[in-house]
Structures are given as C-alpha cells and as structure tokens.
Amino acid sequence: MEKARAILIRRIRFSETSLICVWLTRTHAKVKTSARGALRPGGAFAGKLDLFYEADIAFARSRTSDIHALREVSLLQPFDGEGPHYANLTVAAYFAELIDRVTEPAGHAEEVFDLLHRAVGYLRTERATPRAITHFEAELCRALGVEDASGRNDPLHTLAAQCGRLPPGRERALRACVGRVVS
C-alpha cells in the first residue's frame, strides 16, 4: 500500500456510487484512484473527497491500469475558498485544470505540489486577483523547468506549448476576479 500527502484536483463520476479521483501528490506526482462507494451516504469517504481538499491518502497500486484503488483518506484541510467567493473557487479550478494538463502520472512533482499547496492555502484566506493567476503561471513554468533564464518568455506561451493550449477556465477565472461572473 502506498501513502501520500495529496490535493484532490479532479473528480469524475464512475458509477452511481463511485468516483475516479485525480490527486496531485508530492511523492507520486499525479495519481488516479477509484473511490468505490464514495457517493454512498455514511460511507468511509463521505465528506472527504471534495475538490482542493488536502488529505493523507493510502492506495493500492493496480498491476493492469493507471487507476489505483483508494483505501483510506484522512482529511487534513478542507477548501472553502474564502467562504462563498466565486472567484476563489474559479481560480482554484483553473490552477487544478492547468496542473492536470502539464503533469504526468508518476512523474516528478515536488515543486508543482508545493506550488499548488501554497496557492490553495492563499485562496483559503485571501481574495483571488488577476495578479495571483499570472504569478501562479510564472511559478509553474519555473517549477516545470521551462522558464527562460532571460525572463523574456511569456509564461502563457510557454504553458500553452507544454499542454497544447491553455485551459478555457483561465478567462473565466480572470473575469471572476474582476467581478464579472460568467456562466
């Protein structure tokens, strides 16, 4: 059984009661797990599998698939996104989507995990701003080792080259930060 400190960056409904959870971990990079019975009321995972929650997880590696079996979740820090602020949730979703696109399963992700951990911690206590988004993008380039030493490369172009194109959630996050909520 593998154990890791993790932040939940994606949830996908797998069946009526089960989820596929994508976690970013410091030691195992991006890990996909199946959480059987996660949506069952009163189950072992009830209230522990929400986006951007930080937890200690235990999972059993699959021999045949990249989706491992989630065995335990010990919630460390929930994400309330500074109460009901839509912008904080939208910005956190953009960060998670971007990280999901640029990281690989079982890759090296210590710096990326630390960056996401700091960003989610910031969004727990502070109101999201456009500057926080551009800072995160520049730091992500640095953590991935794709930053131009001269500082002339635009992080947006660098990240777009890394993941094909930037997630559409970026524009939504920027608009939410300046007070224009989009649907």
N, C-alpha and C. Protein backbone atom coordinates (compact mmCIF):
# COMPACT_ATOMS: atom_id res chain seq x y z
N MET A 1 0.85 -1.17 0.00
CA MET A 1 0.00 0.00 0.00
C MET A 1 0.90 1.24 0.00
N GLU A 2 0.58 2.18 -0.86
CA GLU A 2 1.30 3.45 -0.98
C GLU A 2 0.58 4.52 -0.16
N LYS A 3 1.35 5.43 0.41
CA LYS A 3 0.76 6.54 1.16
C LYS A 3 1.34 7.84 0.64
N ALA A 4 0.52 8.91 0.69
CA ALA A 4 0.99 10.20 0.20
C ALA A 4 0.14 11.33 0.75
N ARG A 5 0.75 12.49 0.87
CA ARG A 5 0.02 13.73 1.10
C ARG A 5 -0.47 14.17 -0.27
N ALA A 6 -1.75 14.55 -0.39
CA ALA A 6 -2.32 14.81 -1.71
C ALA A 6 -3.35 15.93 -1.67
N ILE A 7 -3.54 16.54 -2.83
CA ILE A 7 -4.60 17.53 -3.04
C ILE A 7 -5.47 17.02 -4.18
N LEU A 8 -6.77 16.96 -3.95
CA LEU A 8 -7.70 16.46 -4.96
C LEU A 8 -7.90 17.53 -6.03
N ILE A 9 -7.53 17.21 -7.28
CA ILE A 9 -7.64 18.20 -8.36
C ILE A 9 -8.74 17.87 -9.37
N ARG A 10 -9.29 16.66 -9.31
CA ARG A 10 -10.35 16.31 -10.27
C ARG A 10 -11.15 15.14 -9.74
N ARG A 11 -12.48 15.20 -9.96
CA ARG A 11 -13.38 14.11 -9.60
C ARG A 11 -14.22 13.77 -10.82
N ILE A 12 -14.33 12.48 -11.12
CA ILE A 12 -15.11 12.03 -12.27
C ILE A 12 -16.05 10.95 -11.77
N ARG A 13 -17.33 11.12 -12.03
CA ARG A 13 -18.30 10.10 -11.60
C ARG A 13 -18.07 8.84 -12.43
N PHE A 14 -17.91 7.72 -11.74
CA PHE A 14 -17.63 6.45 -12.41
C PHE A 14 -18.86 5.55 -12.45
N SER A 15 -19.64 5.60 -11.40
CA SER A 15 -20.88 4.82 -11.34
C SER A 15 -21.83 5.57 -10.40
N GLU A 16 -22.91 4.93 -10.06
CA GLU A 16 -23.88 5.58 -9.18
C GLU A 16 -23.29 5.93 -7.82
N THR A 17 -22.34 5.14 -7.35
CA THR A 17 -21.78 5.39 -6.02
C THR A 17 -20.27 5.58 -6.01
N SER A 18 -19.60 5.49 -7.15
CA SER A 18 -18.13 5.54 -7.17
C SER A 18 -17.60 6.73 -7.96
N LEU A 19 -16.39 7.13 -7.61
CA LEU A 19 -15.70 8.24 -8.27
C LEU A 19 -14.31 7.81 -8.71
N ILE A 20 -13.83 8.45 -9.76
CA ILE A 20 -12.41 8.41 -10.09
C ILE A 20 -11.87 9.75 -9.58
N CYS A 21 -10.87 9.69 -8.74
CA CYS A 21 -10.27 10.90 -8.16
C CYS A 21 -8.86 11.06 -8.70
N VAL A 22 -8.54 12.27 -9.13
CA VAL A 22 -7.18 12.59 -9.58
C VAL A 22 -6.56 13.47 -8.51
N TRP A 23 -5.44 13.00 -7.99
CA TRP A 23 -4.74 13.67 -6.89
C TRP A 23 -3.39 14.16 -7.39
N LEU A 24 -2.93 15.28 -6.87
CA LEU A 24 -1.55 15.68 -7.05
C LEU A 24 -0.86 15.43 -5.72
N THR A 25 0.21 14.65 -5.77
CA THR A 25 0.95 14.32 -4.56
C THR A 25 2.38 14.81 -4.69
N ARG A 26 3.00 14.99 -3.58
CA ARG A 26 4.40 15.44 -3.58
C ARG A 26 5.34 14.32 -3.99
N THR A 27 5.05 13.10 -3.57
CA THR A 27 5.97 11.98 -3.80
C THR A 27 5.64 11.11 -5.00
N HIS A 28 4.39 11.07 -5.43
CA HIS A 28 3.99 10.19 -6.53
C HIS A 28 3.47 10.96 -7.74
N ALA A 29 3.62 12.27 -7.73
CA ALA A 29 3.12 13.14 -8.81
C ALA A 29 1.61 13.02 -8.91
N LYS A 30 1.09 12.86 -10.13
CA LYS A 30 -0.36 12.76 -10.33
C LYS A 30 -0.77 11.29 -10.21
N VAL A 31 -1.78 11.06 -9.38
CA VAL A 31 -2.26 9.70 -9.12
C VAL A 31 -3.77 9.66 -9.34
N LYS A 32 -4.22 8.67 -10.10
CA LYS A 32 -5.66 8.44 -10.27
C LYS A 32 -6.07 7.28 -9.40
N THR A 33 -7.18 7.48 -8.67
CA THR A 33 -7.67 6.40 -7.82
C THR A 33 -9.16 6.20 -8.04
N SER A 34 -9.61 4.99 -7.83
CA SER A 34 -11.05 4.73 -7.83
C SER A 34 -11.50 4.69 -6.38
N ALA A 35 -12.54 5.45 -6.11
CA ALA A 35 -13.09 5.51 -4.75
C ALA A 35 -14.46 4.84 -4.79
N ARG A 36 -14.46 3.55 -4.56
CA ARG A 36 -15.72 2.79 -4.60
C ARG A 36 -16.59 3.14 -3.40
N GLY A 37 -17.84 3.41 -3.68
CA GLY A 37 -18.78 3.75 -2.63
C GLY A 37 -18.64 5.17 -2.11
N ALA A 38 -17.87 6.00 -2.80
CA ALA A 38 -17.61 7.36 -2.33
C ALA A 38 -18.87 8.21 -2.22
N LEU A 39 -19.87 7.92 -3.04
CA LEU A 39 -21.09 8.72 -3.04
C LEU A 39 -22.20 8.11 -2.19
N ARG A 40 -21.87 7.01 -1.55
CA ARG A 40 -22.84 6.36 -0.68
C ARG A 40 -22.92 7.11 0.66
N PRO A 41 -24.12 7.49 1.09
CA PRO A 41 -24.24 8.21 2.37
C PRO A 41 -23.67 7.38 3.52
N GLY A 42 -22.87 8.02 4.35
CA GLY A 42 -22.31 7.34 5.51
C GLY A 42 -21.14 6.44 5.19
N GLY A 43 -20.66 6.45 3.94
CA GLY A 43 -19.53 5.62 3.55
C GLY A 43 -18.22 6.13 4.13
N ALA A 44 -17.17 5.35 3.96
CA ALA A 44 -15.86 5.68 4.52
C ALA A 44 -15.29 6.98 3.95
N PHE A 45 -15.69 7.36 2.73
CA PHE A 45 -15.15 8.56 2.10
C PHE A 45 -16.10 9.76 2.18
N ALA A 46 -17.22 9.61 2.83
CA ALA A 46 -18.22 10.69 2.90
C ALA A 46 -17.61 11.97 3.47
N GLY A 47 -17.75 13.07 2.72
CA GLY A 47 -17.26 14.37 3.16
C GLY A 47 -15.76 14.57 3.05
N LYS A 48 -15.05 13.62 2.45
CA LYS A 48 -13.59 13.70 2.38
C LYS A 48 -13.06 13.91 0.97
N LEU A 49 -13.92 13.84 -0.04
CA LEU A 49 -13.47 13.88 -1.42
C LEU A 49 -14.04 15.07 -2.18
N ASP A 50 -13.73 16.25 -1.70
CA ASP A 50 -14.15 17.45 -2.40
C ASP A 50 -12.93 18.09 -3.05
N LEU A 51 -13.17 18.83 -4.11
CA LEU A 51 -12.06 19.44 -4.84
C LEU A 51 -11.24 20.35 -3.95
N PHE A 52 -9.93 20.27 -4.14
CA PHE A 52 -8.92 21.09 -3.47
C PHE A 52 -8.76 20.76 -2.00
N TYR A 53 -9.36 19.65 -1.55
CA TYR A 53 -9.14 19.20 -0.18
C TYR A 53 -7.74 18.60 -0.11
N GLU A 54 -7.05 18.88 0.98
CA GLU A 54 -5.75 18.27 1.23
C GLU A 54 -5.94 17.12 2.20
N ALA A 55 -5.32 15.99 1.88
CA ALA A 55 -5.51 14.79 2.69
C ALA A 55 -4.28 13.90 2.64
N ASP A 56 -4.17 13.05 3.63
CA ASP A 56 -3.24 11.93 3.55
C ASP A 56 -4.04 10.77 2.98
N ILE A 57 -3.54 10.19 1.90
CA ILE A 57 -4.26 9.09 1.26
C ILE A 57 -3.41 7.82 1.27
N ALA A 58 -4.10 6.70 1.21
CA ALA A 58 -3.46 5.40 1.05
C ALA A 58 -4.17 4.72 -0.11
N PHE A 59 -3.37 4.14 -1.02
CA PHE A 59 -3.95 3.48 -2.18
C PHE A 59 -3.15 2.24 -2.54
N ALA A 60 -3.84 1.30 -3.13
CA ALA A 60 -3.21 0.06 -3.59
C ALA A 60 -2.97 0.20 -5.10
N ARG A 61 -1.75 0.03 -5.51
CA ARG A 61 -1.41 0.16 -6.93
C ARG A 61 -2.03 -0.97 -7.75
N SER A 62 -2.53 -0.60 -8.89
CA SER A 62 -3.07 -1.59 -9.83
C SER A 62 -1.93 -2.13 -10.68
N ARG A 63 -1.98 -3.40 -10.99
CA ARG A 63 -0.97 -4.01 -11.85
C ARG A 63 -1.30 -3.84 -13.32
N THR A 64 -2.57 -3.56 -13.62
CA THR A 64 -3.02 -3.55 -15.02
C THR A 64 -3.51 -2.19 -15.51
N SER A 65 -3.59 -1.21 -14.65
CA SER A 65 -4.20 0.06 -15.03
C SER A 65 -3.50 1.21 -14.33
N ASP A 66 -3.73 2.42 -14.81
CA ASP A 66 -3.19 3.59 -14.12
C ASP A 66 -4.17 4.15 -13.09
N ILE A 67 -5.28 3.42 -12.88
CA ILE A 67 -6.25 3.80 -11.85
C ILE A 67 -6.09 2.83 -10.68
N HIS A 68 -5.68 3.39 -9.56
CA HIS A 68 -5.39 2.60 -8.37
C HIS A 68 -6.57 2.63 -7.41
N ALA A 69 -6.59 1.72 -6.47
CA ALA A 69 -7.71 1.62 -5.53
C ALA A 69 -7.45 2.48 -4.30
N LEU A 70 -8.31 3.47 -4.09
CA LEU A 70 -8.21 4.32 -2.91
C LEU A 70 -8.67 3.51 -1.70
N ARG A 71 -7.84 3.45 -0.68
CA ARG A 71 -8.17 2.67 0.51
C ARG A 71 -8.52 3.54 1.71
N GLU A 72 -7.78 4.63 1.91
CA GLU A 72 -8.00 5.49 3.08
C GLU A 72 -7.81 6.94 2.71
N VAL A 73 -8.58 7.80 3.36
CA VAL A 73 -8.43 9.25 3.22
C VAL A 73 -8.54 9.86 4.61
N SER A 74 -7.52 10.60 4.98
CA SER A 74 -7.53 11.32 6.24
C SER A 74 -7.47 12.81 5.90
N LEU A 75 -8.61 13.47 6.03
CA LEU A 75 -8.72 14.88 5.65
C LEU A 75 -7.85 15.75 6.57
N LEU A 76 -7.02 16.59 5.93
CA LEU A 76 -6.16 17.49 6.69
C LEU A 76 -6.67 18.92 6.63
N GLN A 77 -7.09 19.34 5.44
CA GLN A 77 -7.51 20.73 5.27
C GLN A 77 -8.58 20.82 4.19
N PRO A 78 -9.80 21.19 4.56
CA PRO A 78 -10.82 21.39 3.54
C PRO A 78 -10.56 22.70 2.80
N PHE A 79 -11.23 22.90 1.69
CA PHE A 79 -11.13 24.15 0.93
C PHE A 79 -12.48 24.82 0.93
N ASP A 80 -12.54 25.99 1.54
CA ASP A 80 -13.81 26.71 1.48
C ASP A 80 -13.69 27.93 0.59
N GLY A 81 -12.50 28.18 0.07
CA GLY A 81 -12.32 29.25 -0.90
C GLY A 81 -12.75 30.61 -0.40
N GLU A 82 -12.37 30.95 0.84
CA GLU A 82 -12.70 32.26 1.40
C GLU A 82 -14.21 32.43 1.40
N GLY A 83 -14.87 31.44 1.99
CA GLY A 83 -16.32 31.50 2.08
C GLY A 83 -16.96 31.31 0.72
N PRO A 84 -17.95 32.11 0.41
CA PRO A 84 -18.70 31.91 -0.83
C PRO A 84 -18.13 32.63 -2.05
N HIS A 85 -16.86 33.08 -2.01
CA HIS A 85 -16.31 33.85 -3.12
C HIS A 85 -16.13 32.98 -4.36
N TYR A 86 -16.93 33.27 -5.35
CA TYR A 86 -16.90 32.54 -6.61
C TYR A 86 -15.52 32.62 -7.26
N ALA A 87 -14.89 33.77 -7.19
CA ALA A 87 -13.59 33.95 -7.84
C ALA A 87 -12.56 32.96 -7.30
N ASN A 88 -12.52 32.75 -5.99
CA ASN A 88 -11.53 31.84 -5.41
C ASN A 88 -11.73 30.42 -5.90
N LEU A 89 -12.95 29.98 -5.96
CA LEU A 89 -13.24 28.64 -6.46
C LEU A 89 -12.88 28.53 -7.94
N THR A 90 -13.19 29.54 -8.72
CA THR A 90 -12.90 29.54 -10.15
C THR A 90 -11.40 29.54 -10.41
N VAL A 91 -10.66 30.32 -9.65
CA VAL A 91 -9.20 30.37 -9.81
C VAL A 91 -8.58 29.03 -9.39
N ALA A 92 -9.03 28.46 -8.30
CA ALA A 92 -8.53 27.15 -7.88
C ALA A 92 -8.82 26.10 -8.94
N ALA A 93 -10.00 26.16 -9.56
CA ALA A 93 -10.34 25.20 -10.62
C ALA A 93 -9.41 25.37 -11.81
N TYR A 94 -9.10 26.60 -12.17
CA TYR A 94 -8.16 26.84 -13.28
C TYR A 94 -6.78 26.29 -12.94
N PHE A 95 -6.29 26.53 -11.73
CA PHE A 95 -4.99 26.02 -11.32
C PHE A 95 -4.96 24.49 -11.42
N ALA A 96 -6.01 23.85 -10.94
CA ALA A 96 -6.08 22.39 -10.96
C ALA A 96 -6.12 21.86 -12.39
N GLU A 97 -6.91 22.51 -13.24
CA GLU A 97 -7.01 22.07 -14.63
C GLU A 97 -5.67 22.24 -15.35
N LEU A 98 -4.99 23.33 -15.10
CA LEU A 98 -3.68 23.58 -15.71
C LEU A 98 -2.67 22.54 -15.24
N ILE A 99 -2.64 22.27 -13.95
CA ILE A 99 -1.70 21.28 -13.42
C ILE A 99 -2.02 19.89 -13.95
N ASP A 100 -3.30 19.57 -14.07
CA ASP A 100 -3.69 18.27 -14.62
C ASP A 100 -3.16 18.11 -16.04
N ARG A 101 -3.15 19.19 -16.81
CA ARG A 101 -2.68 19.12 -18.20
C ARG A 101 -1.17 19.02 -18.32
N VAL A 102 -0.43 19.64 -17.41
CA VAL A 102 1.03 19.70 -17.59
C VAL A 102 1.80 18.65 -16.79
N THR A 103 1.12 17.88 -15.95
CA THR A 103 1.83 16.86 -15.17
C THR A 103 1.49 15.47 -15.68
N GLU A 104 2.41 14.57 -15.44
CA GLU A 104 2.26 13.18 -15.86
C GLU A 104 2.13 12.28 -14.63
N PRO A 105 1.42 11.17 -14.77
CA PRO A 105 1.39 10.21 -13.66
C PRO A 105 2.80 9.69 -13.39
N ALA A 106 3.12 9.55 -12.14
CA ALA A 106 4.40 9.00 -11.68
C ALA A 106 5.58 9.84 -12.13
N GLY A 107 5.37 11.10 -12.43
CA GLY A 107 6.46 11.98 -12.79
C GLY A 107 7.05 12.64 -11.56
N HIS A 108 7.85 13.66 -11.80
CA HIS A 108 8.46 14.43 -10.71
C HIS A 108 7.59 15.64 -10.44
N ALA A 109 7.08 15.79 -9.22
CA ALA A 109 6.14 16.88 -8.99
C ALA A 109 6.29 17.58 -7.64
N GLU A 110 7.45 17.45 -7.00
CA GLU A 110 7.60 18.07 -5.68
C GLU A 110 7.34 19.57 -5.72
N GLU A 111 8.00 20.26 -6.65
CA GLU A 111 7.84 21.71 -6.73
C GLU A 111 6.44 22.10 -7.18
N VAL A 112 5.85 21.31 -8.07
CA VAL A 112 4.49 21.61 -8.53
C VAL A 112 3.50 21.40 -7.39
N PHE A 113 3.67 20.33 -6.62
CA PHE A 113 2.80 20.10 -5.47
C PHE A 113 2.94 21.25 -4.47
N ASP A 114 4.18 21.65 -4.17
CA ASP A 114 4.39 22.74 -3.23
C ASP A 114 3.74 24.03 -3.72
N LEU A 115 3.82 24.29 -5.03
CA LEU A 115 3.19 25.48 -5.61
C LEU A 115 1.67 25.42 -5.45
N LEU A 116 1.07 24.28 -5.79
CA LEU A 116 -0.39 24.15 -5.64
C LEU A 116 -0.79 24.26 -4.17
N HIS A 117 -0.01 23.67 -3.29
CA HIS A 117 -0.29 23.74 -1.86
C HIS A 117 -0.30 25.19 -1.39
N ARG A 118 0.70 25.97 -1.82
CA ARG A 118 0.75 27.39 -1.45
C ARG A 118 -0.43 28.16 -2.06
N ALA A 119 -0.76 27.87 -3.31
CA ALA A 119 -1.85 28.58 -4.00
C ALA A 119 -3.19 28.30 -3.34
N VAL A 120 -3.46 27.05 -3.03
CA VAL A 120 -4.72 26.70 -2.38
C VAL A 120 -4.78 27.32 -0.99
N GLY A 121 -3.64 27.31 -0.28
CA GLY A 121 -3.59 27.96 1.03
C GLY A 121 -3.88 29.45 0.93
N TYR A 122 -3.34 30.09 -0.08
CA TYR A 122 -3.60 31.52 -0.31
C TYR A 122 -5.08 31.74 -0.58
N LEU A 123 -5.67 30.91 -1.44
CA LEU A 123 -7.08 31.07 -1.80
C LEU A 123 -8.02 30.74 -0.65
N ARG A 124 -7.54 30.04 0.36
CA ARG A 124 -8.36 29.79 1.56
C ARG A 124 -8.55 31.05 2.38
N THR A 125 -7.58 31.97 2.30
CA THR A 125 -7.61 33.13 3.20
C THR A 125 -7.71 34.48 2.51
N GLU A 126 -7.32 34.55 1.24
CA GLU A 126 -7.28 35.82 0.54
C GLU A 126 -8.19 35.80 -0.68
N ARG A 127 -8.64 36.95 -1.08
CA ARG A 127 -9.48 37.08 -2.27
C ARG A 127 -8.62 36.93 -3.53
N ALA A 128 -9.07 36.16 -4.49
CA ALA A 128 -8.34 35.92 -5.73
C ALA A 128 -8.22 37.20 -6.54
N THR A 129 -7.06 37.36 -7.20
CA THR A 129 -6.82 38.51 -8.05
C THR A 129 -6.20 38.04 -9.37
N PRO A 130 -6.29 38.87 -10.42
CA PRO A 130 -5.60 38.52 -11.67
C PRO A 130 -4.09 38.37 -11.47
N ARG A 131 -3.52 39.15 -10.57
CA ARG A 131 -2.08 39.05 -10.30
C ARG A 131 -1.73 37.67 -9.73
N ALA A 132 -2.60 37.11 -8.90
CA ALA A 132 -2.35 35.77 -8.36
C ALA A 132 -2.30 34.74 -9.47
N ILE A 133 -3.13 34.91 -10.49
CA ILE A 133 -3.14 33.98 -11.62
C ILE A 133 -1.84 34.06 -12.40
N THR A 134 -1.41 35.28 -12.75
CA THR A 134 -0.17 35.41 -13.53
C THR A 134 1.05 34.98 -12.72
N HIS A 135 1.02 35.22 -11.42
CA HIS A 135 2.12 34.76 -10.56
C HIS A 135 2.18 33.23 -10.55
N PHE A 136 1.02 32.59 -10.40
CA PHE A 136 0.97 31.12 -10.40
C PHE A 136 1.51 30.57 -11.72
N GLU A 137 1.12 31.15 -12.83
CA GLU A 137 1.58 30.67 -14.15
C GLU A 137 3.09 30.78 -14.28
N ALA A 138 3.65 31.91 -13.85
CA ALA A 138 5.10 32.09 -13.93
C ALA A 138 5.82 31.09 -13.01
N GLU A 139 5.29 30.90 -11.81
CA GLU A 139 5.90 29.94 -10.88
C GLU A 139 5.77 28.50 -11.38
N LEU A 140 4.67 28.20 -12.06
CA LEU A 140 4.51 26.86 -12.62
C LEU A 140 5.55 26.61 -13.71
N CYS A 141 5.80 27.60 -14.55
CA CYS A 141 6.86 27.46 -15.57
C CYS A 141 8.20 27.19 -14.89
N ARG A 142 8.49 27.93 -13.83
CA ARG A 142 9.75 27.73 -13.11
C ARG A 142 9.81 26.32 -12.52
N ALA A 143 8.72 25.87 -11.89
CA ALA A 143 8.69 24.54 -11.27
C ALA A 143 8.84 23.43 -12.30
N LEU A 144 8.31 23.65 -13.49
CA LEU A 144 8.41 22.65 -14.56
C LEU A 144 9.76 22.68 -15.26
N GLY A 145 10.54 23.73 -14.99
CA GLY A 145 11.85 23.85 -15.63
C GLY A 145 11.76 24.34 -17.07
N VAL A 146 10.71 25.05 -17.41
CA VAL A 146 10.55 25.55 -18.77
C VAL A 146 10.64 27.07 -18.84
N GLU A 147 11.13 27.66 -17.79
CA GLU A 147 11.26 29.12 -17.73
C GLU A 147 12.50 29.54 -18.51
N ASP A 148 12.38 30.58 -19.26
CA ASP A 148 13.51 31.15 -19.98
C ASP A 148 14.36 31.94 -18.97
N ALA A 149 15.64 31.64 -18.89
CA ALA A 149 16.50 32.30 -17.91
C ALA A 149 16.56 33.81 -18.12
N SER A 150 16.37 34.26 -19.36
CA SER A 150 16.42 35.70 -19.62
C SER A 150 15.17 36.40 -19.11
N GLY A 151 14.11 35.64 -18.86
CA GLY A 151 12.87 36.23 -18.40
C GLY A 151 12.03 36.84 -19.51
N ARG A 152 12.44 36.64 -20.77
CA ARG A 152 11.72 37.24 -21.88
C ARG A 152 10.53 36.41 -22.34
N ASN A 153 10.53 35.12 -22.04
CA ASN A 153 9.41 34.27 -22.46
C ASN A 153 8.16 34.59 -21.67
N ASP A 154 7.08 34.66 -22.34
CA ASP A 154 5.78 34.87 -21.70
C ASP A 154 5.31 33.53 -21.14
N PRO A 155 5.00 33.46 -19.84
CA PRO A 155 4.55 32.19 -19.27
C PRO A 155 3.34 31.61 -19.98
N LEU A 156 2.46 32.46 -20.51
CA LEU A 156 1.28 31.94 -21.22
C LEU A 156 1.67 31.15 -22.45
N HIS A 157 2.61 31.67 -23.23
CA HIS A 157 3.05 30.96 -24.43
C HIS A 157 3.79 29.67 -24.06
N THR A 158 4.60 29.75 -23.01
CA THR A 158 5.35 28.59 -22.56
C THR A 158 4.40 27.49 -22.09
N LEU A 159 3.40 27.85 -21.28
CA LEU A 159 2.45 26.85 -20.79
C LEU A 159 1.59 26.30 -21.92
N ALA A 160 1.20 27.16 -22.85
CA ALA A 160 0.41 26.69 -23.99
C ALA A 160 1.21 25.68 -24.80
N ALA A 161 2.50 25.91 -24.94
CA ALA A 161 3.35 24.96 -25.66
C ALA A 161 3.46 23.64 -24.90
N GLN A 162 3.45 23.71 -23.58
CA GLN A 162 3.55 22.50 -22.75
C GLN A 162 2.30 21.63 -22.83
N CYS A 163 1.13 22.26 -22.87
CA CYS A 163 -0.11 21.47 -22.78
C CYS A 163 -1.00 21.60 -24.01
N GLY A 164 -0.46 22.09 -25.11
CA GLY A 164 -1.25 22.19 -26.33
C GLY A 164 -1.99 23.51 -26.43
N ARG A 165 -2.76 23.82 -25.41
CA ARG A 165 -3.44 25.11 -25.31
C ARG A 165 -3.83 25.31 -23.86
N LEU A 166 -4.00 26.55 -23.48
CA LEU A 166 -4.37 26.84 -22.10
C LEU A 166 -5.81 26.41 -21.83
N PRO A 167 -6.09 25.99 -20.62
CA PRO A 167 -7.47 25.60 -20.29
C PRO A 167 -8.42 26.79 -20.46
N PRO A 168 -9.64 26.53 -20.89
CA PRO A 168 -10.61 27.61 -21.06
C PRO A 168 -11.00 28.26 -19.73
N GLY A 169 -10.71 27.60 -18.63
CA GLY A 169 -11.04 28.16 -17.32
C GLY A 169 -10.25 29.41 -16.97
N ARG A 170 -9.19 29.70 -17.72
CA ARG A 170 -8.37 30.89 -17.43
C ARG A 170 -9.17 32.17 -17.60
N GLU A 171 -9.85 32.30 -18.71
CA GLU A 171 -10.65 33.51 -18.96
C GLU A 171 -11.75 33.66 -17.92
N ARG A 172 -12.40 32.56 -17.58
CA ARG A 172 -13.45 32.58 -16.56
C ARG A 172 -12.88 33.03 -15.22
N ALA A 173 -11.70 32.54 -14.87
CA ALA A 173 -11.06 32.91 -13.60
C ALA A 173 -10.71 34.39 -13.60
N LEU A 174 -10.16 34.89 -14.69
CA LEU A 174 -9.82 36.32 -14.75
C LEU A 174 -11.05 37.19 -14.63
N ARG A 175 -12.11 36.83 -15.32
CA ARG A 175 -13.36 37.61 -15.25
C ARG A 175 -13.96 37.58 -13.84
N ALA A 176 -13.89 36.41 -13.21
CA ALA A 176 -14.43 36.31 -11.84
C ALA A 176 -13.65 37.18 -10.88
N CYS A 177 -12.34 37.30 -11.09
CA CYS A 177 -11.51 38.12 -10.21
C CYS A 177 -11.85 39.60 -10.28
N VAL A 178 -12.28 40.04 -11.45
CA VAL A 178 -12.59 41.46 -11.60
C VAL A 178 -14.07 41.72 -11.41
N GLY A 179 -14.81 40.70 -10.96
CA GLY A 179 -16.20 40.90 -10.58
C GLY A 179 -17.23 40.64 -11.63
N ARG A 180 -16.83 40.16 -12.81
CA ARG A 180 -17.78 39.84 -13.85
C ARG A 180 -17.94 38.32 -13.91
N VAL A 181 -18.96 37.81 -13.30
CA VAL A 181 -19.21 36.38 -13.25
C VAL A 181 -19.73 35.93 -14.59
N VAL A 182 -19.14 34.84 -15.10
CA VAL A 182 -19.60 34.27 -16.36
C VAL A 182 -20.19 32.90 -16.10
N SER A 183 -21.07 32.47 -16.97
CA SER A 183 -21.67 31.14 -16.76
C SER A 183 -21.02 30.13 -17.65
